[in-house]
Amino acid sequence: MQQLRYPVDAKPPFGLTLLLALQHLLAALGGIIAVPLVIGNVLSSDPQIRLLLVNAALLVSGVVNLLFNVEELARLVFVYQV
């Protein structure tokens, strides 16, 4: 079995962290944008409708992310009584 390069509580160098964050962002955006584009092509819609579908997917993804983070913050405050 291989050893971990960084333990769980360690911080990798800033440059590596930035590069891996960019990789994660591009992978997530690809998954978020691909579905509305495929659905728009299957429905044979015009480019404006596909653009609206992509914008709606990005908006909903951002709202869900914010709601998740607010819920996690509330749970931390409740559990640790900060």
C-alpha atoms as a PDB file:
ATOM      1  CA  MET A   1       0.000   0.000   0.000  1.00  0.00           C
ATOM      2  CA  GLN A   2       1.265   3.464  -0.858  1.00  0.00           C
ATOM      3  CA  GLN A   3       1.950   6.119   1.744  1.00  0.00           C
ATOM      4  CA  LEU A   4      -0.058   9.332   1.605  1.00  0.00           C
ATOM      5  CA  ARG A   5       1.862  12.278   0.255  1.00  0.00           C
ATOM      6  CA  TYR A   6       0.145  14.627   2.702  1.00  0.00           C
ATOM      7  CA  PRO A   7      -1.580  13.636   5.956  1.00  0.00           C
ATOM      8  CA  VAL A   8      -5.218  14.629   6.372  1.00  0.00           C
ATOM      9  CA  ASP A   9      -4.469  17.681   8.503  1.00  0.00           C
ATOM     10  CA  ALA A  10      -1.500  18.912   6.422  1.00  0.00           C
ATOM     11  CA  LYS A  11      -1.579  21.797   3.940  1.00  0.00           C
ATOM     12  CA  PRO A  12      -0.005  21.211   0.518  1.00  0.00           C
ATOM     13  CA  PRO A  13       1.942  24.077  -1.066  1.00  0.00           C
ATOM     14  CA  PHE A  14      -0.192  26.988  -2.274  1.00  0.00           C
ATOM     15  CA  GLY A  15       0.652  26.486  -5.963  1.00  0.00           C
ATOM     16  CA  LEU A  16      -0.350  22.831  -5.891  1.00  0.00           C
ATOM     17  CA  THR A  17      -3.532  23.663  -3.998  1.00  0.00           C
ATOM     18  CA  LEU A  18      -4.443  26.290  -6.597  1.00  0.00           C
ATOM     19  CA  LEU A  19      -3.754  23.897  -9.477  1.00  0.00           C
ATOM     20  CA  LEU A  20      -5.856  21.128  -7.941  1.00  0.00           C
ATOM     21  CA  ALA A  21      -8.677  23.586  -7.171  1.00  0.00           C
ATOM     22  CA  LEU A  22      -8.695  24.665 -10.821  1.00  0.00           C
ATOM     23  CA  GLN A  23      -8.815  21.029 -11.923  1.00  0.00           C
ATOM     24  CA  HIS A  24     -11.764  20.400  -9.604  1.00  0.00           C
ATOM     25  CA  LEU A  25     -13.555  23.511 -10.860  1.00  0.00           C
ATOM     26  CA  LEU A  26     -13.167  22.514 -14.515  1.00  0.00           C
ATOM     27  CA  ALA A  27     -14.384  18.977 -13.814  1.00  0.00           C
ATOM     28  CA  ALA A  28     -17.422  20.285 -11.947  1.00  0.00           C
ATOM     29  CA  LEU A  29     -18.259  22.839 -14.637  1.00  0.00           C
ATOM     30  CA  GLY A  30     -18.023  20.173 -17.318  1.00  0.00           C
ATOM     31  CA  GLY A  31     -20.563  18.040 -15.495  1.00  0.00           C
ATOM     32  CA  ILE A  32     -22.891  20.964 -14.793  1.00  0.00           C
ATOM     33  CA  ILE A  33     -22.823  22.335 -18.351  1.00  0.00           C
ATOM     34  CA  ALA A  34     -22.949  19.022 -20.243  1.00  0.00           C
ATOM     35  CA  VAL A  35     -26.444  17.991 -19.125  1.00  0.00           C
ATOM     36  CA  PRO A  36     -28.322  21.116 -20.311  1.00  0.00           C
ATOM     37  CA  LEU A  37     -26.412  21.072 -23.598  1.00  0.00           C
ATOM     38  CA  VAL A  38     -27.351  17.441 -24.246  1.00  0.00           C
ATOM     39  CA  ILE A  39     -30.975  18.043 -23.307  1.00  0.00           C
ATOM     40  CA  GLY A  40     -31.072  21.166 -25.494  1.00  0.00           C
ATOM     41  CA  ASN A  41     -29.661  19.222 -28.452  1.00  0.00           C
ATOM     42  CA  VAL A  42     -32.114  16.341 -27.956  1.00  0.00           C
ATOM     43  CA  LEU A  43     -35.012  18.788 -27.892  1.00  0.00           C
ATOM     44  CA  SER A  44     -33.600  20.488 -31.016  1.00  0.00           C
ATOM     45  CA  SER A  45     -33.962  23.866 -29.386  1.00  0.00           C
ATOM     46  CA  ASP A  46     -32.423  27.057 -30.647  1.00  0.00           C
ATOM     47  CA  PRO A  47     -29.183  28.371 -29.112  1.00  0.00           C
ATOM     48  CA  GLN A  48     -31.018  30.891 -26.909  1.00  0.00           C
ATOM     49  CA  ILE A  49     -32.923  28.095 -25.153  1.00  0.00           C
ATOM     50  CA  ARG A  50     -29.699  26.106 -24.668  1.00  0.00           C
ATOM     51  CA  LEU A  51     -28.051  29.206 -23.214  1.00  0.00           C
ATOM     52  CA  LEU A  52     -30.990  29.633 -20.842  1.00  0.00           C
ATOM     53  CA  LEU A  53     -30.727  25.978 -19.783  1.00  0.00           C
ATOM     54  CA  VAL A  54     -26.989  26.316 -19.076  1.00  0.00           C
ATOM     55  CA  ASN A  55     -27.540  29.544 -17.108  1.00  0.00           C
ATOM     56  CA  ALA A  56     -30.323  27.930 -15.086  1.00  0.00           C
ATOM     57  CA  ALA A  57     -28.111  24.922 -14.295  1.00  0.00           C
ATOM     58  CA  LEU A  58     -25.271  27.175 -13.120  1.00  0.00           C
ATOM     59  CA  LEU A  59     -27.645  29.301 -11.045  1.00  0.00           C
ATOM     60  CA  VAL A  60     -29.263  26.294  -9.363  1.00  0.00           C
ATOM     61  CA  SER A  61     -25.857  24.765  -8.703  1.00  0.00           C
ATOM     62  CA  GLY A  62     -24.704  27.953  -6.990  1.00  0.00           C
ATOM     63  CA  VAL A  63     -27.880  28.299  -4.915  1.00  0.00           C
ATOM     64  CA  VAL A  64     -27.692  24.669  -3.778  1.00  0.00           C
ATOM     65  CA  ASN A  65     -24.036  25.145  -2.877  1.00  0.00           C
ATOM     66  CA  LEU A  66     -24.870  28.216  -0.779  1.00  0.00           C
ATOM     67  CA  LEU A  67     -27.737  26.424   0.964  1.00  0.00           C
ATOM     68  CA  PHE A  68     -25.515  23.474   1.740  1.00  0.00           C
ATOM     69  CA  ASN A  69     -22.807  25.703   3.194  1.00  0.00           C
ATOM     70  CA  VAL A  70     -25.290  27.665   5.326  1.00  0.00           C
ATOM     71  CA  GLU A  71     -26.723  24.390   6.661  1.00  0.00           C
ATOM     72  CA  GLU A  72     -23.238  23.076   7.450  1.00  0.00           C
ATOM     73  CA  LEU A  73     -22.331  26.326   9.213  1.00  0.00           C
ATOM     74  CA  ALA A  74     -25.541  26.168  11.246  1.00  0.00           C
ATOM     75  CA  ARG A  75     -24.763  22.581  12.219  1.00  0.00           C
ATOM     76  CA  LEU A  76     -21.257  23.561  13.343  1.00  0.00           C
ATOM     77  CA  VAL A  77     -22.616  26.434  15.422  1.00  0.00           C
ATOM     78  CA  PHE A  78     -25.243  24.175  16.989  1.00  0.00           C
ATOM     79  CA  VAL A  79     -22.865  21.308  17.733  1.00  0.00           C
ATOM     80  CA  TYR A  80     -19.925  23.359  19.007  1.00  0.00           C
ATOM     81  CA  GLN A  81     -21.946  26.257  20.475  1.00  0.00           C
ATOM     82  CA  VAL A  82     -19.615  28.837  18.925  1.00  0.00           C
END
